[in-house]
């Protein structure tokens, strides 16, 4: 959508967010309050698990491996997360929370302070990176419950955010419908197919999204 001219002056792109849309924005729940040392250990464990997933895939993660990579005792890792499945879900939730914080309150253009169309471009780019990075965990979640994606807190937050941006950029549009359609290409199964089986890079996927959005624009 970056081929369109950004809004100038005070208009829909920088108008206050409609209250009824702001009320729709759910947030991903954070971990329960904990001591500083416990929070540091949790961060080390999740960061170590993220590195292993990125380098070897989620199926290669073991609690012993995470303990060794994080420098945290394996007993502590088990007490904090129970088993590998719970650890991977905690990792997914942690990364989703970071992503949500970035697009809701981070610096522009992803966060507030840029015109709506620029924010939407930045959001879609960031979503490509996130889905490609977490594709195997997201794919496992989709396989386990194919339609649960659309009722999850993460999806509802993204949908409400995109609805808000579309409303600001195109006030006459059916923003909730367009938000679903804009998020549809980010299905974990499609992203896995494109990035793994078709060997498309994140940059190629971002360019493809932009080409798709520009098909009906005047040349």
N, C-alpha and C. Protein backbone atom coordinates (compact mmCIF):
# COMPACT_ATOMS: atom_id res chain seq x y z
N UNK A 1 0.81 -1.21 0.00
CA UNK A 1 0.00 0.00 0.00
C UNK A 1 0.85 1.26 0.00
N UNK A 2 2.16 1.11 0.02
CA UNK A 2 3.04 2.27 0.11
C UNK A 2 3.07 3.10 -1.16
N UNK A 3 2.47 2.62 -2.25
CA UNK A 3 2.46 3.38 -3.49
C UNK A 3 1.51 4.56 -3.43
N UNK A 4 0.60 4.59 -2.48
CA UNK A 4 -0.32 5.72 -2.36
C UNK A 4 0.35 6.85 -1.62
N UNK A 5 -0.12 8.08 -1.87
CA UNK A 5 0.43 9.24 -1.18
C UNK A 5 0.00 9.22 0.27
N UNK A 6 0.95 9.48 1.20
CA UNK A 6 0.58 9.54 2.61
C UNK A 6 -0.31 10.75 2.87
N UNK A 7 -1.11 10.65 3.90
CA UNK A 7 -1.99 11.76 4.25
C UNK A 7 -1.17 12.95 4.71
N UNK A 8 -1.66 14.13 4.43
CA UNK A 8 -1.00 15.34 4.88
C UNK A 8 -1.98 16.17 5.67
N UNK A 9 -1.46 16.94 6.63
CA UNK A 9 -2.34 17.74 7.45
C UNK A 9 -3.12 16.87 8.41
N UNK A 10 -4.10 17.48 9.06
CA UNK A 10 -4.90 16.72 10.01
C UNK A 10 -6.08 16.12 9.27
N UNK A 11 -6.12 14.82 9.15
CA UNK A 11 -7.18 14.13 8.43
C UNK A 11 -7.40 12.79 9.04
N UNK A 12 -7.97 11.84 8.30
CA UNK A 12 -8.27 10.52 8.85
C UNK A 12 -7.07 9.80 9.39
N UNK A 13 -5.87 10.01 8.78
CA UNK A 13 -4.70 9.24 9.18
C UNK A 13 -4.22 9.61 10.57
N UNK A 14 -4.43 10.89 11.00
CA UNK A 14 -3.94 11.25 12.32
C UNK A 14 -5.08 11.71 13.23
N UNK A 15 -6.32 11.37 12.87
CA UNK A 15 -7.46 11.68 13.72
C UNK A 15 -7.45 10.77 14.93
N UNK A 16 -8.06 11.22 16.05
CA UNK A 16 -8.13 10.35 17.22
C UNK A 16 -8.81 9.04 16.89
N UNK A 17 -8.36 7.97 17.49
CA UNK A 17 -8.95 6.66 17.25
C UNK A 17 -10.37 6.62 17.78
N UNK A 18 -11.33 6.11 17.00
CA UNK A 18 -12.70 5.99 17.48
C UNK A 18 -12.75 5.18 18.77
N UNK A 19 -13.49 5.65 19.75
CA UNK A 19 -13.52 4.99 21.04
C UNK A 19 -14.01 3.56 20.95
N UNK A 20 -14.99 3.31 20.05
CA UNK A 20 -15.54 1.96 19.99
C UNK A 20 -14.50 0.99 19.41
N UNK A 21 -13.55 1.50 18.60
CA UNK A 21 -12.50 0.63 18.09
C UNK A 21 -11.43 0.41 19.14
N UNK A 22 -11.08 1.47 19.86
CA UNK A 22 -10.08 1.30 20.92
C UNK A 22 -10.54 0.30 21.96
N UNK A 23 -11.84 0.25 22.21
CA UNK A 23 -12.35 -0.68 23.21
C UNK A 23 -12.25 -2.12 22.76
N UNK A 24 -12.01 -2.33 21.44
CA UNK A 24 -11.90 -3.69 20.92
C UNK A 24 -10.51 -4.27 21.07
N UNK A 25 -9.53 -3.44 21.42
CA UNK A 25 -8.15 -3.91 21.41
C UNK A 25 -7.83 -4.78 22.62
N UNK A 26 -7.84 -6.11 22.44
CA UNK A 26 -7.44 -6.97 23.55
C UNK A 26 -5.92 -7.00 23.63
N UNK A 27 -5.40 -7.42 24.72
CA UNK A 27 -3.96 -7.52 24.88
C UNK A 27 -3.60 -8.95 25.24
N UNK A 28 -2.39 -9.33 24.84
CA UNK A 28 -1.89 -10.65 25.22
C UNK A 28 -1.49 -10.59 26.67
N UNK A 29 -1.94 -11.55 27.46
CA UNK A 29 -1.65 -11.56 28.88
C UNK A 29 -0.17 -11.76 29.15
N UNK A 30 0.36 -11.00 30.10
CA UNK A 30 1.75 -11.15 30.49
C UNK A 30 1.89 -12.16 31.61
N UNK A 31 3.14 -12.51 31.94
CA UNK A 31 3.36 -13.43 33.04
C UNK A 31 2.97 -12.79 34.36
N UNK A 32 2.68 -13.62 35.33
CA UNK A 32 2.32 -13.12 36.65
C UNK A 32 3.50 -12.36 37.25
N UNK A 33 3.24 -11.36 38.11
CA UNK A 33 4.33 -10.62 38.74
C UNK A 33 5.29 -11.59 39.44
N UNK A 34 6.60 -11.30 39.35
CA UNK A 34 7.59 -12.19 39.93
C UNK A 34 8.80 -11.38 40.38
N UNK A 35 9.63 -12.00 41.20
CA UNK A 35 10.84 -11.35 41.69
C UNK A 35 11.77 -11.04 40.52
N UNK A 36 12.65 -10.08 40.73
CA UNK A 36 13.57 -9.66 39.67
C UNK A 36 14.44 -10.81 39.19
N UNK A 37 14.95 -11.63 40.14
CA UNK A 37 15.81 -12.74 39.72
C UNK A 37 15.02 -13.79 38.95
N UNK A 38 13.78 -14.02 39.35
CA UNK A 38 12.93 -14.98 38.63
C UNK A 38 12.61 -14.47 37.23
N UNK A 39 12.37 -13.16 37.12
CA UNK A 39 12.10 -12.57 35.80
C UNK A 39 13.32 -12.68 34.89
N UNK A 40 14.51 -12.48 35.45
CA UNK A 40 15.74 -12.60 34.65
C UNK A 40 15.91 -14.04 34.17
N UNK A 41 15.65 -15.00 35.05
CA UNK A 41 15.77 -16.41 34.66
C UNK A 41 14.77 -16.76 33.55
N UNK A 42 13.56 -16.26 33.69
CA UNK A 42 12.54 -16.51 32.67
C UNK A 42 12.99 -15.96 31.32
N UNK A 43 13.56 -14.73 31.36
CA UNK A 43 14.03 -14.11 30.12
C UNK A 43 15.15 -14.94 29.49
N UNK A 44 16.09 -15.42 30.30
CA UNK A 44 17.20 -16.22 29.79
C UNK A 44 16.69 -17.53 29.17
N UNK A 45 15.73 -18.16 29.82
CA UNK A 45 15.19 -19.43 29.33
C UNK A 45 14.47 -19.22 28.00
N UNK A 46 13.63 -18.19 27.93
CA UNK A 46 12.88 -17.94 26.70
C UNK A 46 13.82 -17.53 25.56
N UNK A 47 14.82 -16.72 25.85
CA UNK A 47 15.77 -16.33 24.80
C UNK A 47 16.56 -17.54 24.30
N UNK A 48 16.95 -18.43 25.22
CA UNK A 48 17.67 -19.63 24.80
C UNK A 48 16.78 -20.53 23.95
N UNK A 49 15.52 -20.69 24.35
CA UNK A 49 14.59 -21.50 23.56
C UNK A 49 14.38 -20.89 22.18
N UNK A 50 14.29 -19.57 22.10
CA UNK A 50 14.11 -18.90 20.81
C UNK A 50 15.30 -19.15 19.89
N UNK A 51 16.50 -19.12 20.44
CA UNK A 51 17.69 -19.38 19.61
C UNK A 51 17.68 -20.80 19.07
N UNK A 52 17.31 -21.75 19.90
CA UNK A 52 17.29 -23.15 19.47
C UNK A 52 16.23 -23.36 18.39
N UNK A 53 15.05 -22.77 18.58
CA UNK A 53 13.99 -22.88 17.57
C UNK A 53 14.46 -22.30 16.24
N UNK A 54 15.10 -21.12 16.30
CA UNK A 54 15.55 -20.47 15.07
C UNK A 54 16.63 -21.28 14.36
N UNK A 55 17.50 -21.91 15.13
CA UNK A 55 18.63 -22.63 14.53
C UNK A 55 18.30 -24.06 14.14
N UNK A 56 17.42 -24.73 14.92
CA UNK A 56 17.21 -26.16 14.73
C UNK A 56 15.77 -26.58 14.55
N UNK A 57 14.83 -25.67 14.86
CA UNK A 57 13.41 -26.01 14.76
C UNK A 57 12.86 -26.45 16.11
N UNK A 58 11.55 -26.27 16.32
CA UNK A 58 10.95 -26.58 17.63
C UNK A 58 11.01 -28.05 17.99
N UNK A 59 11.04 -28.93 16.99
CA UNK A 59 11.05 -30.36 17.30
C UNK A 59 12.37 -30.81 17.92
N UNK A 60 13.41 -29.98 17.85
CA UNK A 60 14.71 -30.34 18.42
C UNK A 60 14.91 -29.78 19.83
N UNK A 61 13.94 -29.03 20.32
CA UNK A 61 14.07 -28.42 21.65
C UNK A 61 13.89 -29.47 22.73
N UNK A 62 14.81 -29.50 23.68
CA UNK A 62 14.66 -30.32 24.88
C UNK A 62 14.89 -29.43 26.10
N UNK A 63 14.35 -29.86 27.22
CA UNK A 63 14.53 -29.07 28.44
C UNK A 63 16.00 -29.03 28.85
N UNK A 64 16.72 -30.13 28.69
CA UNK A 64 18.14 -30.15 29.02
C UNK A 64 18.92 -29.19 28.13
N UNK A 65 18.58 -29.16 26.84
CA UNK A 65 19.27 -28.29 25.90
C UNK A 65 19.03 -26.82 26.26
N UNK A 66 17.80 -26.48 26.60
CA UNK A 66 17.47 -25.11 26.98
C UNK A 66 18.19 -24.73 28.27
N UNK A 67 18.23 -25.65 29.21
CA UNK A 67 18.93 -25.37 30.47
C UNK A 67 20.40 -25.07 30.21
N UNK A 68 21.03 -25.90 29.39
CA UNK A 68 22.45 -25.70 29.08
C UNK A 68 22.67 -24.37 28.36
N UNK A 69 21.82 -24.07 27.38
CA UNK A 69 22.00 -22.85 26.59
C UNK A 69 21.73 -21.58 27.41
N UNK A 70 20.87 -21.68 28.39
CA UNK A 70 20.51 -20.51 29.20
C UNK A 70 21.38 -20.34 30.44
N UNK A 71 22.09 -21.42 30.81
CA UNK A 71 22.86 -21.36 32.04
C UNK A 71 22.00 -21.48 33.29
N UNK A 72 20.79 -21.95 33.13
CA UNK A 72 19.84 -22.13 34.24
C UNK A 72 19.72 -23.63 34.53
N UNK A 73 19.64 -24.00 35.78
CA UNK A 73 19.51 -25.41 36.15
C UNK A 73 18.29 -26.05 35.52
N UNK A 74 18.44 -27.31 35.10
CA UNK A 74 17.34 -27.99 34.41
C UNK A 74 16.12 -28.11 35.33
N UNK A 75 16.35 -28.28 36.64
CA UNK A 75 15.23 -28.35 37.57
C UNK A 75 14.42 -27.06 37.58
N UNK A 76 15.13 -25.94 37.50
CA UNK A 76 14.44 -24.65 37.46
C UNK A 76 13.64 -24.51 36.17
N UNK A 77 14.20 -24.96 35.05
CA UNK A 77 13.50 -24.89 33.77
C UNK A 77 12.21 -25.71 33.84
N UNK A 78 12.29 -26.92 34.41
CA UNK A 78 11.08 -27.75 34.54
C UNK A 78 10.06 -27.11 35.47
N UNK A 79 10.52 -26.54 36.58
CA UNK A 79 9.57 -25.93 37.52
C UNK A 79 8.87 -24.73 36.89
N UNK A 80 9.59 -23.98 36.07
CA UNK A 80 8.99 -22.79 35.47
C UNK A 80 8.02 -23.12 34.35
N UNK A 81 8.34 -24.16 33.56
CA UNK A 81 7.56 -24.38 32.33
C UNK A 81 6.95 -25.77 32.20
N UNK A 82 7.31 -26.70 33.04
CA UNK A 82 6.65 -28.00 33.05
C UNK A 82 7.19 -28.98 32.03
N UNK A 83 7.07 -28.64 30.73
CA UNK A 83 7.58 -29.53 29.69
C UNK A 83 7.84 -28.69 28.44
N UNK A 84 8.32 -29.34 27.39
CA UNK A 84 8.69 -28.63 26.17
C UNK A 84 7.48 -27.94 25.54
N UNK A 85 6.33 -28.62 25.54
CA UNK A 85 5.13 -28.04 24.94
C UNK A 85 4.76 -26.72 25.61
N UNK A 86 4.76 -26.71 26.94
CA UNK A 86 4.42 -25.49 27.66
C UNK A 86 5.46 -24.41 27.44
N UNK A 87 6.72 -24.81 27.33
CA UNK A 87 7.78 -23.85 27.08
C UNK A 87 7.60 -23.18 25.71
N UNK A 88 7.26 -23.97 24.70
CA UNK A 88 7.08 -23.41 23.36
C UNK A 88 5.88 -22.47 23.30
N UNK A 89 4.80 -22.82 24.00
CA UNK A 89 3.64 -21.92 24.03
C UNK A 89 3.98 -20.63 24.77
N UNK A 90 4.78 -20.74 25.83
CA UNK A 90 5.21 -19.53 26.55
C UNK A 90 6.08 -18.66 25.65
N UNK A 91 6.92 -19.29 24.83
CA UNK A 91 7.76 -18.55 23.90
C UNK A 91 6.90 -17.84 22.86
N UNK A 92 5.92 -18.52 22.33
CA UNK A 92 5.03 -17.91 21.34
C UNK A 92 4.29 -16.72 21.94
N UNK A 93 3.79 -16.88 23.16
CA UNK A 93 3.08 -15.80 23.83
C UNK A 93 4.02 -14.62 24.09
N UNK A 94 5.26 -14.92 24.47
CA UNK A 94 6.23 -13.86 24.75
C UNK A 94 6.52 -13.05 23.49
N UNK A 95 6.74 -13.73 22.37
CA UNK A 95 7.03 -13.03 21.12
C UNK A 95 5.82 -12.24 20.64
N UNK A 96 4.61 -12.77 20.85
CA UNK A 96 3.40 -12.05 20.46
C UNK A 96 3.24 -10.79 21.29
N UNK A 97 3.55 -10.88 22.58
CA UNK A 97 3.44 -9.71 23.45
C UNK A 97 4.41 -8.62 23.01
N UNK A 98 5.64 -9.00 22.65
CA UNK A 98 6.62 -8.02 22.17
C UNK A 98 6.13 -7.36 20.87
N UNK A 99 5.58 -8.16 19.97
CA UNK A 99 5.07 -7.64 18.71
C UNK A 99 3.91 -6.68 18.96
N UNK A 100 3.01 -7.06 19.86
CA UNK A 100 1.85 -6.21 20.15
C UNK A 100 2.29 -4.88 20.75
N UNK A 101 3.26 -4.91 21.66
CA UNK A 101 3.76 -3.68 22.25
C UNK A 101 4.37 -2.77 21.18
N UNK A 102 5.05 -3.38 20.20
CA UNK A 102 5.70 -2.59 19.15
C UNK A 102 4.67 -1.87 18.29
N UNK A 103 3.60 -2.57 17.89
CA UNK A 103 2.66 -1.89 16.98
C UNK A 103 1.63 -1.04 17.71
N UNK A 104 1.45 -1.25 19.01
CA UNK A 104 0.49 -0.44 19.75
C UNK A 104 1.12 0.79 20.39
N UNK A 105 2.41 0.69 20.80
CA UNK A 105 3.00 1.80 21.53
C UNK A 105 4.47 2.04 21.20
N UNK A 106 5.02 1.34 20.20
CA UNK A 106 6.41 1.53 19.84
C UNK A 106 6.61 2.75 18.96
N UNK A 107 7.84 2.95 18.49
CA UNK A 107 8.12 4.12 17.64
C UNK A 107 7.48 3.98 16.26
N UNK A 108 7.19 5.10 15.61
CA UNK A 108 6.64 5.05 14.25
C UNK A 108 7.72 4.60 13.26
N UNK A 109 7.33 4.09 12.10
CA UNK A 109 5.95 4.05 11.58
C UNK A 109 5.13 2.85 12.06
N UNK A 110 5.76 1.86 12.72
CA UNK A 110 4.96 0.73 13.21
C UNK A 110 4.04 1.17 14.34
N UNK A 111 4.57 1.99 15.25
CA UNK A 111 3.77 2.50 16.36
C UNK A 111 3.13 3.83 16.02
N UNK A 112 2.45 4.43 16.99
CA UNK A 112 1.74 5.69 16.75
C UNK A 112 2.67 6.81 16.31
N UNK A 113 2.12 7.73 15.51
CA UNK A 113 2.88 8.91 15.11
C UNK A 113 3.08 9.05 13.62
N UNK A 114 2.73 8.02 12.84
CA UNK A 114 2.83 8.08 11.38
C UNK A 114 1.43 8.01 10.78
N UNK A 115 1.26 8.44 9.52
CA UNK A 115 -0.04 8.31 8.85
C UNK A 115 -0.48 6.85 8.81
N UNK A 116 -1.79 6.63 8.78
CA UNK A 116 -2.35 5.28 8.87
C UNK A 116 -1.81 4.35 7.79
N UNK A 117 -1.68 4.84 6.57
CA UNK A 117 -1.22 3.96 5.48
C UNK A 117 0.23 3.54 5.69
N UNK A 118 1.07 4.45 6.19
CA UNK A 118 2.45 4.08 6.49
C UNK A 118 2.51 3.07 7.64
N UNK A 119 1.65 3.27 8.63
CA UNK A 119 1.62 2.31 9.75
C UNK A 119 1.15 0.93 9.28
N UNK A 120 0.19 0.91 8.35
CA UNK A 120 -0.29 -0.37 7.84
C UNK A 120 0.81 -1.09 7.06
N UNK A 121 1.54 -0.35 6.23
CA UNK A 121 2.68 -0.94 5.52
C UNK A 121 3.68 -1.53 6.51
N UNK A 122 4.02 -0.75 7.52
CA UNK A 122 5.00 -1.21 8.51
C UNK A 122 4.48 -2.42 9.27
N UNK A 123 3.19 -2.42 9.58
CA UNK A 123 2.61 -3.55 10.30
C UNK A 123 2.68 -4.82 9.47
N UNK A 124 2.32 -4.75 8.20
CA UNK A 124 2.34 -5.94 7.34
C UNK A 124 3.77 -6.45 7.16
N UNK A 125 4.74 -5.54 7.03
CA UNK A 125 6.14 -5.96 6.95
C UNK A 125 6.56 -6.68 8.22
N UNK A 126 6.22 -6.09 9.36
CA UNK A 126 6.60 -6.70 10.64
C UNK A 126 5.90 -8.04 10.84
N UNK A 127 4.68 -8.15 10.35
CA UNK A 127 3.95 -9.41 10.49
C UNK A 127 4.58 -10.51 9.64
N UNK A 128 5.08 -10.15 8.45
CA UNK A 128 5.81 -11.14 7.65
C UNK A 128 7.00 -11.68 8.46
N UNK A 129 7.78 -10.78 9.03
CA UNK A 129 8.96 -11.20 9.79
C UNK A 129 8.57 -12.10 10.96
N UNK A 130 7.50 -11.71 11.65
CA UNK A 130 7.10 -12.50 12.82
C UNK A 130 6.61 -13.88 12.42
N UNK A 131 5.76 -13.97 11.40
CA UNK A 131 5.20 -15.26 11.02
C UNK A 131 6.30 -16.18 10.44
N UNK A 132 7.22 -15.61 9.67
CA UNK A 132 8.33 -16.42 9.13
C UNK A 132 9.21 -16.93 10.27
N UNK A 133 9.51 -16.05 11.23
CA UNK A 133 10.36 -16.44 12.35
C UNK A 133 9.72 -17.53 13.20
N UNK A 134 8.42 -17.41 13.44
CA UNK A 134 7.72 -18.33 14.34
C UNK A 134 6.88 -19.36 13.57
N UNK A 135 7.16 -19.55 12.29
CA UNK A 135 6.26 -20.32 11.42
C UNK A 135 6.01 -21.73 11.93
N UNK A 136 7.02 -22.39 12.48
CA UNK A 136 6.84 -23.80 12.83
C UNK A 136 5.96 -23.93 14.08
N UNK A 137 6.15 -23.04 15.05
CA UNK A 137 5.29 -23.08 16.23
C UNK A 137 3.88 -22.66 15.87
N UNK A 138 3.74 -21.61 15.05
CA UNK A 138 2.41 -21.18 14.61
C UNK A 138 1.72 -22.26 13.80
N UNK A 139 2.48 -22.96 12.96
CA UNK A 139 1.90 -24.03 12.15
C UNK A 139 1.41 -25.17 13.03
N UNK A 140 2.19 -25.50 14.06
CA UNK A 140 1.76 -26.55 14.99
C UNK A 140 0.46 -26.15 15.69
N UNK A 141 0.35 -24.89 16.06
CA UNK A 141 -0.87 -24.42 16.72
C UNK A 141 -2.05 -24.48 15.76
N UNK A 142 -1.84 -24.08 14.49
CA UNK A 142 -2.92 -24.12 13.51
C UNK A 142 -3.34 -25.56 13.22
N UNK A 143 -2.39 -26.47 13.14
CA UNK A 143 -2.71 -27.87 12.88
C UNK A 143 -3.54 -28.47 14.00
N UNK A 144 -3.21 -28.10 15.23
CA UNK A 144 -3.93 -28.64 16.38
C UNK A 144 -5.36 -28.12 16.44
N UNK A 145 -5.57 -26.87 16.04
CA UNK A 145 -6.92 -26.27 16.10
C UNK A 145 -7.04 -25.27 14.95
N UNK A 146 -7.47 -25.74 13.77
CA UNK A 146 -7.42 -24.91 12.55
C UNK A 146 -8.15 -23.56 12.63
N UNK A 147 -9.28 -23.51 13.32
CA UNK A 147 -10.03 -22.25 13.34
C UNK A 147 -9.82 -21.44 14.62
N UNK A 148 -9.02 -21.96 15.55
CA UNK A 148 -8.81 -21.26 16.81
C UNK A 148 -8.07 -19.94 16.61
N UNK A 149 -7.35 -19.83 15.51
CA UNK A 149 -6.60 -18.60 15.23
C UNK A 149 -7.50 -17.38 15.28
N UNK A 150 -8.72 -17.52 14.78
CA UNK A 150 -9.58 -16.35 14.61
C UNK A 150 -10.27 -15.91 15.90
N UNK A 151 -10.16 -16.69 16.94
CA UNK A 151 -10.74 -16.30 18.23
C UNK A 151 -9.66 -16.10 19.28
N UNK A 152 -8.39 -16.23 18.89
CA UNK A 152 -7.31 -16.05 19.86
C UNK A 152 -7.13 -14.56 20.16
N UNK A 153 -6.60 -14.27 21.35
CA UNK A 153 -6.35 -12.89 21.72
C UNK A 153 -5.41 -12.20 20.76
N UNK A 154 -4.40 -12.93 20.28
CA UNK A 154 -3.42 -12.33 19.36
C UNK A 154 -4.09 -11.89 18.06
N UNK A 155 -4.91 -12.77 17.48
CA UNK A 155 -5.56 -12.43 16.21
C UNK A 155 -6.56 -11.29 16.41
N UNK A 156 -7.34 -11.35 17.49
CA UNK A 156 -8.32 -10.29 17.75
C UNK A 156 -7.64 -8.94 17.90
N UNK A 157 -6.48 -8.91 18.55
CA UNK A 157 -5.74 -7.66 18.70
C UNK A 157 -5.25 -7.16 17.35
N UNK A 158 -4.69 -8.05 16.53
CA UNK A 158 -4.23 -7.63 15.21
C UNK A 158 -5.38 -7.16 14.34
N UNK A 159 -6.49 -7.90 14.38
CA UNK A 159 -7.65 -7.51 13.57
C UNK A 159 -8.18 -6.15 13.98
N UNK A 160 -8.28 -5.90 15.28
CA UNK A 160 -8.76 -4.60 15.75
C UNK A 160 -7.80 -3.49 15.34
N UNK A 161 -6.51 -3.76 15.41
CA UNK A 161 -5.51 -2.76 15.03
C UNK A 161 -5.61 -2.43 13.53
N UNK A 162 -5.69 -3.46 12.68
CA UNK A 162 -5.79 -3.24 11.24
C UNK A 162 -7.12 -2.56 10.91
N UNK A 163 -8.19 -2.95 11.59
CA UNK A 163 -9.49 -2.30 11.39
C UNK A 163 -9.38 -0.80 11.67
N UNK A 164 -8.70 -0.46 12.74
CA UNK A 164 -8.53 0.95 13.10
C UNK A 164 -7.75 1.70 12.02
N UNK A 165 -6.67 1.12 11.53
CA UNK A 165 -5.86 1.79 10.51
C UNK A 165 -6.62 1.94 9.19
N UNK A 166 -7.37 0.90 8.80
CA UNK A 166 -8.16 0.99 7.57
C UNK A 166 -9.25 2.04 7.72
N UNK A 167 -9.87 2.11 8.88
CA UNK A 167 -10.90 3.12 9.13
C UNK A 167 -10.32 4.52 8.99
N UNK A 168 -9.11 4.73 9.51
CA UNK A 168 -8.48 6.05 9.42
C UNK A 168 -8.07 6.37 7.98
N UNK A 169 -7.58 5.36 7.25
CA UNK A 169 -7.12 5.60 5.88
C UNK A 169 -8.26 5.67 4.87
N UNK A 170 -9.30 4.85 5.08
CA UNK A 170 -10.42 4.76 4.15
C UNK A 170 -11.72 4.74 4.94
N UNK A 171 -12.21 5.90 5.39
CA UNK A 171 -13.39 5.93 6.28
C UNK A 171 -14.63 5.27 5.71
N UNK A 172 -14.79 5.24 4.39
CA UNK A 172 -16.00 4.68 3.79
C UNK A 172 -15.92 3.16 3.59
N UNK A 173 -14.78 2.57 3.85
CA UNK A 173 -14.59 1.14 3.58
C UNK A 173 -15.22 0.28 4.67
N UNK A 174 -15.46 -0.98 4.33
CA UNK A 174 -15.88 -1.98 5.31
C UNK A 174 -14.63 -2.45 6.03
N UNK A 175 -14.20 -1.68 7.00
CA UNK A 175 -12.89 -1.91 7.62
C UNK A 175 -12.75 -3.27 8.29
N UNK A 176 -13.74 -3.77 9.04
CA UNK A 176 -13.57 -5.10 9.66
C UNK A 176 -13.36 -6.21 8.63
N UNK A 177 -14.10 -6.15 7.51
CA UNK A 177 -13.92 -7.16 6.46
C UNK A 177 -12.54 -7.04 5.83
N UNK A 178 -12.14 -5.82 5.47
CA UNK A 178 -10.84 -5.63 4.86
C UNK A 178 -9.71 -6.06 5.79
N UNK A 179 -9.89 -5.86 7.09
CA UNK A 179 -8.86 -6.29 8.04
C UNK A 179 -8.69 -7.81 8.00
N UNK A 180 -9.79 -8.55 7.96
CA UNK A 180 -9.69 -10.02 7.83
C UNK A 180 -8.97 -10.40 6.54
N UNK A 181 -9.32 -9.74 5.44
CA UNK A 181 -8.72 -10.08 4.15
C UNK A 181 -7.24 -9.72 4.10
N UNK A 182 -6.86 -8.62 4.74
CA UNK A 182 -5.45 -8.24 4.78
C UNK A 182 -4.63 -9.22 5.62
N UNK A 183 -5.25 -9.80 6.64
CA UNK A 183 -4.55 -10.76 7.51
C UNK A 183 -4.57 -12.18 6.94
N UNK A 184 -5.46 -12.45 5.99
CA UNK A 184 -5.61 -13.81 5.46
C UNK A 184 -4.32 -14.39 4.88
N UNK A 185 -3.50 -13.63 4.14
CA UNK A 185 -2.28 -14.22 3.59
C UNK A 185 -1.28 -14.68 4.66
N UNK A 186 -1.50 -14.27 5.90
CA UNK A 186 -0.55 -14.61 6.95
C UNK A 186 -0.92 -15.89 7.69
N UNK A 187 -1.79 -16.68 7.10
CA UNK A 187 -2.06 -18.01 7.63
C UNK A 187 -0.74 -18.76 7.79
N UNK A 188 -0.48 -19.37 8.94
CA UNK A 188 0.79 -20.08 9.14
C UNK A 188 1.06 -21.14 8.08
N UNK A 189 0.03 -21.85 7.63
CA UNK A 189 0.25 -22.90 6.62
C UNK A 189 0.70 -22.30 5.29
N UNK A 190 0.10 -21.18 4.88
CA UNK A 190 0.51 -20.54 3.63
C UNK A 190 1.92 -19.97 3.75
N UNK A 191 2.20 -19.30 4.85
CA UNK A 191 3.53 -18.73 5.04
C UNK A 191 4.60 -19.82 5.11
N UNK A 192 4.26 -20.94 5.73
CA UNK A 192 5.21 -22.07 5.77
C UNK A 192 5.46 -22.59 4.36
N UNK A 193 4.39 -22.73 3.58
CA UNK A 193 4.54 -23.21 2.20
C UNK A 193 5.40 -22.27 1.37
N UNK A 194 5.14 -20.97 1.48
CA UNK A 194 5.86 -20.00 0.66
C UNK A 194 7.32 -19.87 1.08
N UNK A 195 7.57 -19.86 2.38
CA UNK A 195 8.94 -19.64 2.85
C UNK A 195 9.79 -20.90 2.83
N UNK A 196 9.18 -22.06 3.05
CA UNK A 196 9.94 -23.30 3.13
C UNK A 196 9.91 -24.09 1.82
N UNK A 197 8.73 -24.29 1.28
CA UNK A 197 8.62 -25.12 0.08
C UNK A 197 8.89 -24.32 -1.20
N UNK A 198 8.47 -23.05 -1.22
CA UNK A 198 8.75 -22.22 -2.38
C UNK A 198 10.05 -21.43 -2.24
N UNK A 199 10.65 -21.47 -1.05
CA UNK A 199 11.94 -20.84 -0.80
C UNK A 199 11.93 -19.33 -1.03
N UNK A 200 10.82 -18.69 -0.72
CA UNK A 200 10.75 -17.24 -0.85
C UNK A 200 11.28 -16.58 0.42
N UNK A 201 12.05 -15.53 0.24
CA UNK A 201 12.60 -14.81 1.39
C UNK A 201 11.54 -13.88 1.98
N UNK A 202 11.82 -13.37 3.18
CA UNK A 202 10.91 -12.41 3.80
C UNK A 202 10.75 -11.17 2.92
N UNK A 203 11.85 -10.71 2.31
CA UNK A 203 11.76 -9.54 1.44
C UNK A 203 10.88 -9.81 0.22
N UNK A 204 10.96 -11.01 -0.33
CA UNK A 204 10.11 -11.36 -1.47
C UNK A 204 8.65 -11.42 -1.06
N UNK A 205 8.38 -11.93 0.13
CA UNK A 205 7.01 -11.98 0.62
C UNK A 205 6.45 -10.58 0.85
N UNK A 206 7.26 -9.69 1.40
CA UNK A 206 6.82 -8.31 1.61
C UNK A 206 6.52 -7.63 0.28
N UNK A 207 7.40 -7.85 -0.70
CA UNK A 207 7.17 -7.25 -2.02
C UNK A 207 5.90 -7.81 -2.65
N UNK A 208 5.64 -9.09 -2.46
CA UNK A 208 4.43 -9.69 -3.00
C UNK A 208 3.17 -9.12 -2.38
N UNK A 209 3.19 -8.89 -1.07
CA UNK A 209 2.04 -8.27 -0.40
C UNK A 209 1.78 -6.89 -0.99
N UNK A 210 2.84 -6.11 -1.21
CA UNK A 210 2.67 -4.78 -1.78
C UNK A 210 2.11 -4.83 -3.20
N UNK A 211 2.60 -5.79 -3.99
CA UNK A 211 2.08 -5.93 -5.35
C UNK A 211 0.61 -6.32 -5.33
N UNK A 212 0.24 -7.20 -4.42
CA UNK A 212 -1.15 -7.61 -4.30
C UNK A 212 -2.04 -6.41 -3.97
N UNK A 213 -1.60 -5.58 -3.03
CA UNK A 213 -2.40 -4.45 -2.60
C UNK A 213 -2.48 -3.35 -3.66
N UNK A 214 -1.56 -3.35 -4.61
CA UNK A 214 -1.55 -2.30 -5.63
C UNK A 214 -2.22 -2.72 -6.93
N UNK A 215 -2.75 -3.93 -7.01
CA UNK A 215 -3.30 -4.42 -8.27
C UNK A 215 -4.42 -3.54 -8.83
N UNK A 216 -5.27 -3.03 -7.94
CA UNK A 216 -6.42 -2.24 -8.40
C UNK A 216 -6.17 -0.73 -8.34
N UNK A 217 -4.93 -0.33 -8.08
CA UNK A 217 -4.63 1.10 -8.05
C UNK A 217 -4.31 1.59 -9.45
N UNK A 218 -4.61 2.86 -9.76
CA UNK A 218 -4.27 3.41 -11.08
C UNK A 218 -2.77 3.33 -11.31
N UNK A 219 -2.36 2.98 -12.52
CA UNK A 219 -0.93 2.87 -12.83
C UNK A 219 -0.35 4.24 -13.15
